[in-house]
């Protein structure tokens, strides 16, 4: 059993498989009583929250978890989706969405001075954009693998080059309602040539595959 002061709040989405794996590992360490999962897209129907002028009090209906913002010592902000609304009028829906966003952002401002935020709100907006990350990495002098993100198949040169394929947004997807992880993977030149016309259907990221890093970590 590991002893940690305060609660660990994970702000996420319902079907985030990464979070599920992390929570499973934390539970195996005996931390199940202090780990709280808060899914933002179901906030309207599944969360009851009150700010009393000093702190947030939150009750999550389906899990029965209740906490005060003062109890939180660590927050992992894991790319949650927006709150799902049932408003049909676009103007009203936009207003309600902005109110929910501001209300939920208040949780950040009520915890940022005493809790450690993994992926703080300001940093998250920049950190979730791979093009911004790559540009900054190049500017500060990192040795960045040759990279291309495109929906133009003619800009891809696959001759005798082993490439990795990654997504540029949240790395998950679903088929017929079944969620899957979008894993970074190596693509052979033959495979890329076979499916190269599909690049026009969706922006795609390719990077030169670096074999040395696998040797470095002992893989």
N, C-alpha and C. Protein backbone atom coordinates (compact mmCIF):
# COMPACT_ATOMS: atom_id res chain seq x y z
N UNK A 1 0.85 -1.20 0.00
CA UNK A 1 0.00 0.00 0.00
C UNK A 1 0.88 1.25 0.00
N UNK A 2 0.70 2.13 -0.97
CA UNK A 2 1.44 3.37 -1.05
C UNK A 2 0.64 4.46 -0.34
N UNK A 3 1.33 5.30 0.43
CA UNK A 3 0.66 6.38 1.15
C UNK A 3 0.83 7.69 0.39
N UNK A 4 -0.29 8.29 0.01
CA UNK A 4 -0.28 9.58 -0.67
C UNK A 4 -1.29 10.49 0.03
N UNK A 5 -0.86 11.72 0.33
CA UNK A 5 -1.75 12.67 0.98
C UNK A 5 -2.67 13.30 -0.06
N UNK A 6 -3.95 13.34 0.23
CA UNK A 6 -4.90 13.94 -0.69
C UNK A 6 -5.37 12.97 -1.76
N UNK A 7 -6.26 13.46 -2.60
CA UNK A 7 -6.86 12.63 -3.63
C UNK A 7 -6.24 12.92 -5.00
N UNK A 8 -6.31 11.91 -5.88
CA UNK A 8 -5.83 12.03 -7.25
C UNK A 8 -7.05 12.12 -8.16
N UNK A 9 -7.20 13.25 -8.84
CA UNK A 9 -8.35 13.47 -9.72
C UNK A 9 -7.89 13.32 -11.17
N UNK A 10 -8.58 12.45 -11.93
CA UNK A 10 -8.28 12.25 -13.34
C UNK A 10 -9.46 12.79 -14.15
N UNK A 11 -9.23 13.89 -14.86
CA UNK A 11 -10.28 14.52 -15.66
C UNK A 11 -10.14 14.01 -17.09
N UNK A 12 -11.16 13.30 -17.57
CA UNK A 12 -10.99 12.54 -18.80
C UNK A 12 -12.32 12.40 -19.53
N UNK A 13 -12.45 11.34 -20.30
CA UNK A 13 -13.68 11.01 -21.03
C UNK A 13 -14.05 9.57 -20.70
N UNK A 14 -15.28 9.19 -21.02
CA UNK A 14 -15.77 7.88 -20.60
C UNK A 14 -14.98 6.72 -21.17
N UNK A 15 -14.59 6.79 -22.45
CA UNK A 15 -14.00 5.63 -23.10
C UNK A 15 -12.50 5.76 -23.34
N UNK A 16 -11.81 6.53 -22.48
CA UNK A 16 -10.36 6.68 -22.62
C UNK A 16 -9.67 5.42 -22.08
N UNK A 17 -9.16 4.59 -22.99
CA UNK A 17 -8.54 3.34 -22.59
C UNK A 17 -7.23 3.55 -21.85
N UNK A 18 -6.53 4.63 -22.17
CA UNK A 18 -5.28 4.93 -21.47
C UNK A 18 -5.55 5.15 -19.98
N UNK A 19 -6.58 5.94 -19.68
CA UNK A 19 -6.93 6.22 -18.29
C UNK A 19 -7.35 4.94 -17.57
N UNK A 20 -8.11 4.10 -18.25
CA UNK A 20 -8.56 2.85 -17.63
C UNK A 20 -7.37 1.99 -17.21
N UNK A 21 -6.35 1.93 -18.06
CA UNK A 21 -5.16 1.14 -17.74
C UNK A 21 -4.40 1.75 -16.56
N UNK A 22 -4.28 3.07 -16.54
CA UNK A 22 -3.57 3.72 -15.44
C UNK A 22 -4.32 3.51 -14.13
N UNK A 23 -5.64 3.66 -14.15
CA UNK A 23 -6.43 3.47 -12.94
C UNK A 23 -6.33 2.03 -12.45
N UNK A 24 -6.31 1.08 -13.38
CA UNK A 24 -6.15 -0.31 -12.99
C UNK A 24 -4.82 -0.52 -12.27
N UNK A 25 -3.78 0.10 -12.76
CA UNK A 25 -2.46 -0.02 -12.12
C UNK A 25 -2.45 0.66 -10.75
N UNK A 26 -3.08 1.84 -10.65
CA UNK A 26 -3.14 2.53 -9.36
C UNK A 26 -3.94 1.72 -8.34
N UNK A 27 -5.03 1.12 -8.79
CA UNK A 27 -5.83 0.29 -7.89
C UNK A 27 -5.04 -0.90 -7.37
N UNK A 28 -4.20 -1.46 -8.25
CA UNK A 28 -3.39 -2.62 -7.83
C UNK A 28 -2.37 -2.24 -6.77
N UNK A 29 -2.07 -0.92 -6.67
CA UNK A 29 -1.14 -0.44 -5.64
C UNK A 29 -1.88 -0.05 -4.36
N UNK A 30 -3.19 -0.30 -4.33
CA UNK A 30 -3.97 0.00 -3.15
C UNK A 30 -4.45 1.43 -3.05
N UNK A 31 -4.52 2.13 -4.18
CA UNK A 31 -4.89 3.54 -4.17
C UNK A 31 -6.32 3.79 -4.60
N UNK A 32 -7.13 2.73 -4.65
CA UNK A 32 -8.48 2.87 -5.20
C UNK A 32 -9.35 3.87 -4.42
N UNK A 33 -9.05 4.08 -3.14
CA UNK A 33 -9.88 4.99 -2.34
C UNK A 33 -9.59 6.45 -2.60
N UNK A 34 -8.45 6.75 -3.23
CA UNK A 34 -8.11 8.16 -3.44
C UNK A 34 -8.07 8.55 -4.92
N UNK A 35 -8.28 7.59 -5.82
CA UNK A 35 -8.27 7.90 -7.25
C UNK A 35 -9.70 8.14 -7.72
N UNK A 36 -9.93 9.29 -8.32
CA UNK A 36 -11.28 9.68 -8.76
C UNK A 36 -11.23 9.98 -10.26
N UNK A 37 -12.14 9.37 -11.00
CA UNK A 37 -12.26 9.61 -12.43
C UNK A 37 -13.45 10.52 -12.68
N UNK A 38 -13.19 11.65 -13.35
CA UNK A 38 -14.24 12.61 -13.66
C UNK A 38 -14.32 12.76 -15.17
N UNK A 39 -15.40 12.25 -15.76
CA UNK A 39 -15.59 12.31 -17.22
C UNK A 39 -16.41 13.55 -17.55
N UNK A 40 -15.83 14.41 -18.39
CA UNK A 40 -16.45 15.72 -18.64
C UNK A 40 -17.66 15.63 -19.56
N UNK A 41 -17.65 14.73 -20.56
CA UNK A 41 -18.77 14.76 -21.51
C UNK A 41 -20.10 14.41 -20.84
N UNK A 42 -20.08 13.69 -19.72
CA UNK A 42 -21.31 13.35 -19.01
C UNK A 42 -21.52 14.23 -17.79
N UNK A 43 -20.80 15.35 -17.72
CA UNK A 43 -20.87 16.23 -16.55
C UNK A 43 -22.30 16.69 -16.28
N UNK A 44 -23.04 17.07 -17.33
CA UNK A 44 -24.38 17.61 -17.15
C UNK A 44 -25.31 16.64 -16.44
N UNK A 45 -25.28 15.37 -16.84
CA UNK A 45 -26.22 14.39 -16.31
C UNK A 45 -25.65 13.58 -15.14
N UNK A 46 -24.33 13.50 -15.03
CA UNK A 46 -23.74 12.57 -14.06
C UNK A 46 -22.97 13.25 -12.93
N UNK A 47 -22.85 14.57 -12.98
CA UNK A 47 -22.08 15.27 -11.95
C UNK A 47 -22.94 16.38 -11.34
N UNK A 48 -22.89 16.47 -10.03
CA UNK A 48 -23.54 17.56 -9.32
C UNK A 48 -22.44 18.33 -8.59
N UNK A 49 -22.23 19.58 -8.99
CA UNK A 49 -21.13 20.37 -8.44
C UNK A 49 -21.65 21.69 -7.91
N UNK A 50 -21.03 22.16 -6.83
CA UNK A 50 -21.40 23.42 -6.22
C UNK A 50 -20.15 24.17 -5.80
N UNK A 51 -20.06 25.42 -6.20
CA UNK A 51 -19.00 26.30 -5.72
C UNK A 51 -19.62 27.26 -4.72
N UNK A 52 -19.07 27.29 -3.51
CA UNK A 52 -19.68 28.07 -2.43
C UNK A 52 -18.95 29.39 -2.15
N UNK A 53 -18.13 29.82 -3.08
CA UNK A 53 -17.37 31.05 -2.88
C UNK A 53 -15.96 30.80 -2.41
N UNK A 54 -15.68 29.55 -2.00
CA UNK A 54 -14.33 29.22 -1.54
C UNK A 54 -13.80 27.95 -2.18
N UNK A 55 -14.63 26.93 -2.32
CA UNK A 55 -14.16 25.67 -2.88
C UNK A 55 -15.30 24.97 -3.63
N UNK A 56 -14.89 24.00 -4.43
CA UNK A 56 -15.82 23.16 -5.18
C UNK A 56 -16.20 21.93 -4.35
N UNK A 57 -17.48 21.56 -4.42
CA UNK A 57 -17.92 20.28 -3.88
C UNK A 57 -18.56 19.52 -5.02
N UNK A 58 -18.04 18.31 -5.28
CA UNK A 58 -18.46 17.55 -6.46
C UNK A 58 -18.93 16.17 -6.05
N UNK A 59 -20.05 15.75 -6.61
CA UNK A 59 -20.56 14.38 -6.44
C UNK A 59 -20.73 13.76 -7.83
N UNK A 60 -20.13 12.59 -8.03
CA UNK A 60 -20.25 11.86 -9.29
C UNK A 60 -21.28 10.76 -9.09
N UNK A 61 -22.38 10.84 -9.80
CA UNK A 61 -23.54 10.00 -9.50
C UNK A 61 -23.29 8.52 -9.75
N UNK A 62 -22.71 8.15 -10.92
CA UNK A 62 -22.61 6.72 -11.24
C UNK A 62 -21.59 5.99 -10.38
N UNK A 63 -20.53 6.68 -9.94
CA UNK A 63 -19.52 6.02 -9.11
C UNK A 63 -19.74 6.24 -7.62
N UNK A 64 -20.59 7.22 -7.29
CA UNK A 64 -20.83 7.52 -5.88
C UNK A 64 -19.68 8.26 -5.22
N UNK A 65 -18.71 8.74 -6.01
CA UNK A 65 -17.56 9.43 -5.43
C UNK A 65 -17.91 10.89 -5.15
N UNK A 66 -17.52 11.38 -3.97
CA UNK A 66 -17.74 12.77 -3.59
C UNK A 66 -16.42 13.35 -3.09
N UNK A 67 -16.16 14.61 -3.43
CA UNK A 67 -14.93 15.22 -2.95
C UNK A 67 -15.05 16.73 -2.97
N UNK A 68 -14.17 17.36 -2.22
CA UNK A 68 -14.05 18.81 -2.18
C UNK A 68 -12.75 19.17 -2.88
N UNK A 69 -12.74 20.30 -3.58
CA UNK A 69 -11.52 20.68 -4.31
C UNK A 69 -10.32 20.83 -3.39
N UNK A 70 -10.54 21.15 -2.12
CA UNK A 70 -9.42 21.28 -1.18
C UNK A 70 -8.75 19.94 -0.89
N UNK A 71 -9.45 18.84 -1.15
CA UNK A 71 -8.89 17.51 -0.88
C UNK A 71 -7.94 17.03 -1.98
N UNK A 72 -7.98 17.68 -3.14
CA UNK A 72 -7.23 17.21 -4.30
C UNK A 72 -5.76 17.62 -4.17
N UNK A 73 -4.86 16.65 -4.35
CA UNK A 73 -3.43 16.95 -4.33
C UNK A 73 -2.78 16.79 -5.69
N UNK A 74 -3.38 15.97 -6.57
CA UNK A 74 -2.85 15.75 -7.91
C UNK A 74 -4.01 15.73 -8.89
N UNK A 75 -3.86 16.40 -10.04
CA UNK A 75 -4.86 16.36 -11.10
C UNK A 75 -4.18 15.97 -12.40
N UNK A 76 -4.71 14.92 -13.05
CA UNK A 76 -4.24 14.56 -14.39
C UNK A 76 -5.33 14.98 -15.37
N UNK A 77 -5.03 16.01 -16.17
CA UNK A 77 -5.99 16.52 -17.16
C UNK A 77 -5.72 15.81 -18.47
N UNK A 78 -6.58 14.84 -18.79
CA UNK A 78 -6.30 13.90 -19.86
C UNK A 78 -7.23 14.14 -21.06
N UNK A 79 -7.14 15.29 -21.71
CA UNK A 79 -7.82 15.57 -22.96
C UNK A 79 -9.31 15.20 -22.96
N UNK A 80 -10.09 15.72 -22.02
CA UNK A 80 -11.51 15.37 -22.00
C UNK A 80 -12.27 15.99 -23.16
N UNK A 81 -13.39 15.35 -23.52
CA UNK A 81 -14.28 15.92 -24.52
C UNK A 81 -15.16 16.98 -23.88
N UNK A 82 -15.85 17.76 -24.72
CA UNK A 82 -16.76 18.76 -24.21
C UNK A 82 -18.00 18.12 -23.61
N UNK A 83 -18.68 18.89 -22.78
CA UNK A 83 -19.92 18.40 -22.16
C UNK A 83 -20.96 18.15 -23.25
N UNK A 84 -21.61 16.98 -23.18
CA UNK A 84 -22.69 16.67 -24.12
C UNK A 84 -23.96 17.37 -23.67
N UNK A 85 -24.59 18.10 -24.60
CA UNK A 85 -25.79 18.86 -24.29
C UNK A 85 -26.95 18.35 -25.13
N UNK A 86 -28.17 18.65 -24.69
CA UNK A 86 -29.35 18.24 -25.47
C UNK A 86 -30.12 19.45 -25.98
N UNK A 87 -29.47 20.61 -26.05
CA UNK A 87 -30.12 21.81 -26.57
C UNK A 87 -30.19 21.74 -28.09
N UNK A 88 -31.34 22.07 -28.64
CA UNK A 88 -31.52 22.04 -30.10
C UNK A 88 -31.30 23.40 -30.73
N UNK A 89 -31.53 24.46 -29.99
CA UNK A 89 -31.31 25.80 -30.53
C UNK A 89 -29.81 26.11 -30.48
N UNK A 90 -29.18 26.42 -31.62
CA UNK A 90 -27.72 26.64 -31.64
C UNK A 90 -27.27 27.75 -30.71
N UNK A 91 -28.05 28.83 -30.64
CA UNK A 91 -27.66 29.95 -29.78
C UNK A 91 -27.67 29.56 -28.31
N UNK A 92 -28.71 28.86 -27.90
CA UNK A 92 -28.80 28.42 -26.51
C UNK A 92 -27.72 27.38 -26.21
N UNK A 93 -27.50 26.45 -27.16
CA UNK A 93 -26.48 25.43 -26.98
C UNK A 93 -25.10 26.06 -26.79
N UNK A 94 -24.80 27.10 -27.58
CA UNK A 94 -23.51 27.78 -27.47
C UNK A 94 -23.38 28.46 -26.11
N UNK A 95 -24.44 29.09 -25.65
CA UNK A 95 -24.40 29.75 -24.34
C UNK A 95 -24.19 28.74 -23.22
N UNK A 96 -24.97 27.65 -23.25
CA UNK A 96 -24.86 26.64 -22.19
C UNK A 96 -23.47 25.99 -22.21
N UNK A 97 -22.94 25.73 -23.41
CA UNK A 97 -21.61 25.13 -23.52
C UNK A 97 -20.55 26.04 -22.91
N UNK A 98 -20.66 27.35 -23.16
CA UNK A 98 -19.69 28.29 -22.59
C UNK A 98 -19.81 28.37 -21.08
N UNK A 99 -21.05 28.29 -20.58
CA UNK A 99 -21.25 28.33 -19.13
C UNK A 99 -20.64 27.09 -18.47
N UNK A 100 -20.87 25.92 -19.07
CA UNK A 100 -20.27 24.70 -18.52
C UNK A 100 -18.75 24.77 -18.56
N UNK A 101 -18.21 25.25 -19.68
CA UNK A 101 -16.75 25.33 -19.82
C UNK A 101 -16.15 26.22 -18.75
N UNK A 102 -16.77 27.38 -18.52
CA UNK A 102 -16.28 28.30 -17.51
C UNK A 102 -16.43 27.72 -16.11
N UNK A 103 -17.55 27.06 -15.88
CA UNK A 103 -17.80 26.43 -14.58
C UNK A 103 -16.77 25.36 -14.27
N UNK A 104 -16.48 24.51 -15.26
CA UNK A 104 -15.51 23.42 -15.06
C UNK A 104 -14.10 23.97 -14.96
N UNK A 105 -13.78 25.02 -15.74
CA UNK A 105 -12.46 25.63 -15.61
C UNK A 105 -12.24 26.21 -14.22
N UNK A 106 -13.33 26.56 -13.54
CA UNK A 106 -13.21 27.04 -12.17
C UNK A 106 -12.56 26.02 -11.25
N UNK A 107 -12.73 24.74 -11.57
CA UNK A 107 -12.10 23.70 -10.77
C UNK A 107 -10.57 23.82 -10.84
N UNK A 108 -10.07 24.22 -12.00
CA UNK A 108 -8.63 24.44 -12.14
C UNK A 108 -8.18 25.57 -11.22
N UNK A 109 -8.89 26.68 -11.26
CA UNK A 109 -8.47 27.84 -10.47
C UNK A 109 -8.65 27.61 -8.97
N UNK A 110 -9.49 26.66 -8.59
CA UNK A 110 -9.67 26.34 -7.18
C UNK A 110 -8.67 25.29 -6.68
N UNK A 111 -7.88 24.73 -7.57
CA UNK A 111 -6.92 23.70 -7.16
C UNK A 111 -5.49 24.01 -7.57
N UNK A 112 -5.29 24.96 -8.49
CA UNK A 112 -3.96 25.14 -9.08
C UNK A 112 -2.90 25.59 -8.07
N UNK A 113 -3.31 26.24 -6.98
CA UNK A 113 -2.33 26.73 -6.01
C UNK A 113 -1.88 25.68 -5.01
N UNK A 114 -2.66 24.60 -4.86
CA UNK A 114 -2.26 23.58 -3.88
C UNK A 114 -2.11 22.18 -4.48
N UNK A 115 -2.61 21.97 -5.70
CA UNK A 115 -2.54 20.64 -6.32
C UNK A 115 -1.54 20.68 -7.48
N UNK A 116 -0.91 19.54 -7.72
CA UNK A 116 0.01 19.40 -8.84
C UNK A 116 -0.79 18.96 -10.05
N UNK A 117 -0.79 19.81 -11.09
CA UNK A 117 -1.54 19.52 -12.31
C UNK A 117 -0.61 18.91 -13.36
N UNK A 118 -0.96 17.72 -13.79
CA UNK A 118 -0.29 17.11 -14.94
C UNK A 118 -1.08 17.52 -16.17
N UNK A 119 -0.46 18.26 -17.05
CA UNK A 119 -1.14 18.90 -18.18
C UNK A 119 -2.03 20.04 -17.70
N UNK A 120 -1.40 21.11 -17.20
CA UNK A 120 -2.15 22.28 -16.78
C UNK A 120 -2.95 22.86 -17.93
N UNK A 121 -3.99 23.61 -17.64
CA UNK A 121 -4.90 24.07 -18.68
C UNK A 121 -4.20 24.92 -19.73
N UNK A 122 -3.39 25.90 -19.29
CA UNK A 122 -2.73 26.75 -20.28
C UNK A 122 -1.79 25.95 -21.15
N UNK A 123 -1.02 25.07 -20.51
CA UNK A 123 -0.04 24.27 -21.25
C UNK A 123 -0.70 23.25 -22.16
N UNK A 124 -1.88 22.77 -21.79
CA UNK A 124 -2.52 21.71 -22.55
C UNK A 124 -2.88 22.14 -23.97
N UNK A 125 -3.29 23.40 -24.13
CA UNK A 125 -3.70 23.85 -25.45
C UNK A 125 -2.53 23.79 -26.43
N UNK A 126 -1.34 24.13 -25.95
CA UNK A 126 -0.16 24.04 -26.80
C UNK A 126 0.33 22.61 -26.94
N UNK A 127 0.26 21.86 -25.83
CA UNK A 127 0.83 20.51 -25.82
C UNK A 127 0.04 19.53 -26.67
N UNK A 128 -1.23 19.82 -26.96
CA UNK A 128 -2.03 18.86 -27.72
C UNK A 128 -1.87 19.03 -29.22
N UNK A 129 -1.05 19.99 -29.65
CA UNK A 129 -0.89 20.23 -31.09
C UNK A 129 0.50 19.79 -31.53
N UNK A 130 0.59 18.69 -32.27
CA UNK A 130 1.89 18.14 -32.65
C UNK A 130 2.66 19.08 -33.58
N UNK A 131 1.97 19.85 -34.41
CA UNK A 131 2.67 20.75 -35.31
C UNK A 131 3.38 21.85 -34.54
N UNK A 132 2.71 22.37 -33.51
CA UNK A 132 3.35 23.37 -32.65
C UNK A 132 4.53 22.75 -31.91
N UNK A 133 4.35 21.55 -31.38
CA UNK A 133 5.42 20.87 -30.65
C UNK A 133 6.66 20.68 -31.54
N UNK A 134 6.43 20.22 -32.75
CA UNK A 134 7.55 19.95 -33.66
C UNK A 134 8.27 21.24 -34.06
N UNK A 135 7.51 22.29 -34.28
CA UNK A 135 8.14 23.56 -34.64
C UNK A 135 9.03 24.07 -33.52
N UNK A 136 8.52 24.01 -32.27
CA UNK A 136 9.31 24.46 -31.12
C UNK A 136 10.53 23.57 -30.92
N UNK A 137 10.36 22.25 -31.07
CA UNK A 137 11.48 21.33 -30.91
C UNK A 137 12.60 21.65 -31.90
N UNK A 138 12.22 21.96 -33.13
CA UNK A 138 13.23 22.34 -34.14
C UNK A 138 13.89 23.67 -33.78
N UNK A 139 13.10 24.62 -33.29
CA UNK A 139 13.64 25.95 -32.97
C UNK A 139 14.65 25.91 -31.83
N UNK A 140 14.42 25.04 -30.83
CA UNK A 140 15.32 25.00 -29.68
C UNK A 140 16.48 24.06 -29.88
N UNK A 141 16.54 23.39 -31.05
CA UNK A 141 17.73 22.62 -31.38
C UNK A 141 17.66 21.13 -31.18
N UNK A 142 16.47 20.58 -30.90
CA UNK A 142 16.34 19.13 -30.79
C UNK A 142 16.61 18.48 -32.16
N UNK A 143 17.15 17.28 -32.11
CA UNK A 143 17.37 16.51 -33.33
C UNK A 143 16.07 15.77 -33.65
N UNK A 144 15.20 16.40 -34.41
CA UNK A 144 13.86 15.88 -34.67
C UNK A 144 13.88 15.02 -35.92
N UNK A 145 13.30 13.82 -35.87
CA UNK A 145 13.23 13.00 -37.09
C UNK A 145 12.48 13.73 -38.20
N UNK A 146 12.86 13.47 -39.44
CA UNK A 146 12.15 14.07 -40.56
C UNK A 146 10.68 13.70 -40.48
N UNK A 147 9.83 14.70 -40.58
CA UNK A 147 8.41 14.52 -40.33
C UNK A 147 7.60 15.18 -41.43
N UNK A 148 6.50 14.55 -41.78
CA UNK A 148 5.55 15.19 -42.69
C UNK A 148 4.13 14.87 -42.22
N UNK A 149 3.30 15.90 -42.20
CA UNK A 149 1.87 15.75 -41.91
C UNK A 149 1.13 16.30 -43.11
N UNK A 150 0.33 15.49 -43.76
CA UNK A 150 -0.24 15.92 -45.04
C UNK A 150 -1.51 15.16 -45.39
N UNK A 151 -2.30 15.75 -46.27
CA UNK A 151 -3.38 15.01 -46.92
C UNK A 151 -3.14 14.95 -48.43
N UNK A 152 -1.87 15.20 -48.81
CA UNK A 152 -1.47 15.20 -50.22
C UNK A 152 -0.56 14.00 -50.45
N UNK A 153 -1.08 12.96 -51.07
CA UNK A 153 -0.32 11.72 -51.24
C UNK A 153 0.93 11.91 -52.08
N UNK A 154 0.93 12.89 -52.98
CA UNK A 154 2.09 13.10 -53.85
C UNK A 154 3.28 13.67 -53.10
N UNK A 155 3.08 14.14 -51.86
CA UNK A 155 4.19 14.70 -51.10
C UNK A 155 4.94 13.64 -50.30
N UNK A 156 4.49 12.38 -50.37
CA UNK A 156 5.12 11.28 -49.62
C UNK A 156 6.09 10.55 -50.53
N UNK A 157 7.35 10.46 -50.09
CA UNK A 157 8.36 9.69 -50.79
C UNK A 157 8.70 8.46 -49.95
N UNK A 158 8.30 7.30 -50.40
CA UNK A 158 8.42 6.09 -49.59
C UNK A 158 9.52 5.15 -50.06
N UNK A 159 10.35 5.57 -50.97
CA UNK A 159 11.35 4.66 -51.53
C UNK A 159 12.39 4.28 -50.48
N UNK A 160 12.43 2.99 -50.17
CA UNK A 160 13.45 2.43 -49.28
C UNK A 160 13.55 3.16 -47.95
N UNK A 161 12.44 3.67 -47.46
CA UNK A 161 12.45 4.37 -46.17
C UNK A 161 11.40 3.72 -45.26
N UNK A 162 11.81 3.40 -44.02
CA UNK A 162 10.88 2.84 -43.05
C UNK A 162 10.31 3.99 -42.23
N UNK A 163 9.00 4.13 -42.23
CA UNK A 163 8.35 5.25 -41.58
C UNK A 163 7.48 4.80 -40.42
N UNK A 164 7.33 5.67 -39.43
CA UNK A 164 6.32 5.46 -38.39
C UNK A 164 5.09 6.28 -38.76
N UNK A 165 3.95 5.75 -38.44
CA UNK A 165 2.69 6.47 -38.62
C UNK A 165 2.10 6.76 -37.25
N UNK A 166 1.66 8.00 -37.05
CA UNK A 166 1.01 8.41 -35.80
C UNK A 166 -0.23 9.22 -36.16
N UNK A 167 -1.13 9.36 -35.21
CA UNK A 167 -2.24 10.30 -35.43
C UNK A 167 -1.80 11.66 -34.89
N UNK A 168 -2.51 12.71 -35.26
CA UNK A 168 -2.14 14.05 -34.82
C UNK A 168 -3.09 14.60 -33.76
N UNK A 169 -4.11 13.82 -33.40
CA UNK A 169 -5.04 14.28 -32.38
C UNK A 169 -5.08 13.24 -31.25
N UNK A 170 -6.22 13.06 -30.64
CA UNK A 170 -6.35 12.08 -29.55
C UNK A 170 -6.23 10.67 -30.13
N UNK A 171 -5.34 9.84 -29.58
CA UNK A 171 -5.02 8.55 -30.22
C UNK A 171 -6.02 7.44 -29.92
N UNK A 172 -7.26 7.65 -30.26
CA UNK A 172 -8.23 6.56 -30.17
C UNK A 172 -9.31 6.75 -31.23
N UNK A 173 -10.02 5.68 -31.50
CA UNK A 173 -11.10 5.72 -32.47
C UNK A 173 -12.04 4.56 -32.15
N UNK A 174 -13.17 4.51 -32.84
CA UNK A 174 -14.10 3.41 -32.62
C UNK A 174 -14.63 2.92 -33.96
N UNK A 175 -14.94 1.64 -34.02
CA UNK A 175 -15.58 1.02 -35.18
C UNK A 175 -16.78 0.24 -34.67
N UNK A 176 -17.96 0.58 -35.19
CA UNK A 176 -19.21 -0.05 -34.74
C UNK A 176 -19.36 0.04 -33.23
N UNK A 177 -18.95 1.19 -32.68
CA UNK A 177 -19.11 1.43 -31.26
C UNK A 177 -18.05 0.80 -30.38
N UNK A 178 -17.10 0.09 -30.95
CA UNK A 178 -16.04 -0.56 -30.17
C UNK A 178 -14.82 0.35 -30.17
N UNK A 179 -14.31 0.77 -28.97
CA UNK A 179 -13.17 1.69 -28.94
C UNK A 179 -11.84 0.96 -29.16
N UNK A 180 -10.91 1.63 -29.83
CA UNK A 180 -9.57 1.11 -30.06
C UNK A 180 -8.55 2.22 -29.82
N UNK A 181 -7.33 1.83 -29.51
CA UNK A 181 -6.23 2.77 -29.42
C UNK A 181 -5.59 2.92 -30.80
N UNK A 182 -5.21 4.14 -31.14
CA UNK A 182 -4.44 4.39 -32.37
C UNK A 182 -2.97 4.38 -31.96
N UNK A 183 -2.30 3.28 -32.19
CA UNK A 183 -0.92 3.11 -31.74
C UNK A 183 0.06 3.59 -32.81
N UNK A 184 1.17 4.17 -32.35
CA UNK A 184 2.27 4.46 -33.26
C UNK A 184 2.80 3.15 -33.82
N UNK A 185 2.97 3.07 -35.13
CA UNK A 185 3.41 1.81 -35.72
C UNK A 185 4.32 2.07 -36.91
N UNK A 186 5.11 1.05 -37.22
CA UNK A 186 6.02 1.12 -38.35
C UNK A 186 5.29 0.68 -39.61
N UNK A 187 5.46 1.46 -40.68
CA UNK A 187 4.83 1.13 -41.96
C UNK A 187 5.93 0.88 -43.00
N UNK A 188 5.83 -0.23 -43.67
CA UNK A 188 6.80 -0.52 -44.73
C UNK A 188 6.48 0.31 -45.97
N UNK A 189 7.47 0.54 -46.85
CA UNK A 189 7.18 1.26 -48.10
C UNK A 189 6.07 0.61 -48.91
N UNK A 190 6.03 -0.73 -48.94
CA UNK A 190 4.98 -1.41 -49.71
C UNK A 190 3.59 -1.12 -49.16
N UNK A 191 3.49 -1.10 -47.82
CA UNK A 191 2.19 -0.84 -47.20
C UNK A 191 1.72 0.58 -47.50
N UNK A 192 2.64 1.55 -47.42
CA UNK A 192 2.27 2.93 -47.68
C UNK A 192 1.85 3.10 -49.13
N UNK A 193 2.58 2.50 -50.05
CA UNK A 193 2.22 2.61 -51.46
C UNK A 193 0.86 1.99 -51.73
N UNK A 194 0.54 0.90 -51.02
CA UNK A 194 -0.74 0.22 -51.22
C UNK A 194 -1.91 1.11 -50.81
N UNK A 195 -1.73 1.89 -49.75
CA UNK A 195 -2.84 2.68 -49.22
C UNK A 195 -2.63 4.19 -49.41
N UNK A 196 -1.74 4.58 -50.28
CA UNK A 196 -1.37 6.00 -50.36
C UNK A 196 -2.53 6.89 -50.79
N UNK A 197 -3.46 6.37 -51.59
CA UNK A 197 -4.59 7.20 -52.03
C UNK A 197 -5.50 7.58 -50.86
N UNK A 198 -5.48 6.80 -49.78
CA UNK A 198 -6.36 7.09 -48.64
C UNK A 198 -5.88 8.29 -47.84
N UNK A 199 -4.66 8.76 -48.09
CA UNK A 199 -4.14 9.92 -47.35
C UNK A 199 -5.00 11.15 -47.61
N UNK A 200 -5.60 11.25 -48.78
CA UNK A 200 -6.46 12.40 -49.07
C UNK A 200 -7.73 12.40 -48.24
N UNK A 201 -8.07 11.25 -47.64
CA UNK A 201 -9.28 11.15 -46.83
C UNK A 201 -9.09 11.68 -45.41
N UNK A 202 -7.82 11.73 -44.95
CA UNK A 202 -7.57 12.13 -43.57
C UNK A 202 -6.12 12.59 -43.44
N UNK A 203 -5.84 13.76 -42.86
CA UNK A 203 -4.45 14.17 -42.65
C UNK A 203 -3.67 13.10 -41.91
N UNK A 204 -2.45 12.84 -42.36
CA UNK A 204 -1.67 11.71 -41.84
C UNK A 204 -0.27 12.18 -41.49
N UNK A 205 0.26 11.64 -40.38
CA UNK A 205 1.61 11.98 -39.94
C UNK A 205 2.54 10.80 -40.17
N UNK A 206 3.68 11.07 -40.80
CA UNK A 206 4.74 10.08 -40.95
C UNK A 206 6.05 10.67 -40.42
N UNK A 207 6.84 9.83 -39.76
CA UNK A 207 8.17 10.21 -39.33
C UNK A 207 9.15 9.11 -39.72
N UNK A 208 10.39 9.50 -40.03
CA UNK A 208 11.43 8.51 -40.24
C UNK A 208 11.60 7.69 -38.97
N UNK A 209 11.65 6.40 -39.11
CA UNK A 209 11.78 5.51 -37.95
C UNK A 209 13.24 5.49 -37.48
N UNK A 210 13.44 5.67 -36.17
CA UNK A 210 14.79 5.72 -35.60
C UNK A 210 15.07 4.40 -34.89
N UNK A 211 15.94 3.59 -35.46
CA UNK A 211 16.25 2.28 -34.86
C UNK A 211 17.13 2.43 -33.63
N UNK A 212 17.94 3.49 -33.57
CA UNK A 212 18.88 3.62 -32.46
C UNK A 212 18.17 3.75 -31.12
N UNK A 213 16.99 4.37 -31.09
CA UNK A 213 16.31 4.56 -29.81
C UNK A 213 15.87 3.23 -29.22
N UNK A 214 15.52 2.27 -30.09
CA UNK A 214 15.13 0.96 -29.59
C UNK A 214 16.33 0.25 -28.96
N UNK A 215 17.50 0.42 -29.57
CA UNK A 215 18.70 -0.18 -28.99
C UNK A 215 19.03 0.47 -27.66
N UNK A 216 18.79 1.78 -27.55
CA UNK A 216 19.10 2.52 -26.34
C UNK A 216 18.28 2.03 -25.16
N UNK A 217 16.99 1.75 -25.38
CA UNK A 217 16.14 1.31 -24.28
C UNK A 217 16.14 -0.21 -24.14
N UNK A 218 16.94 -0.88 -24.93
CA UNK A 218 17.10 -2.31 -24.77
C UNK A 218 16.03 -3.15 -25.40
N UNK A 219 15.32 -2.62 -26.38
CA UNK A 219 14.27 -3.39 -27.05
C UNK A 219 14.87 -4.16 -28.22
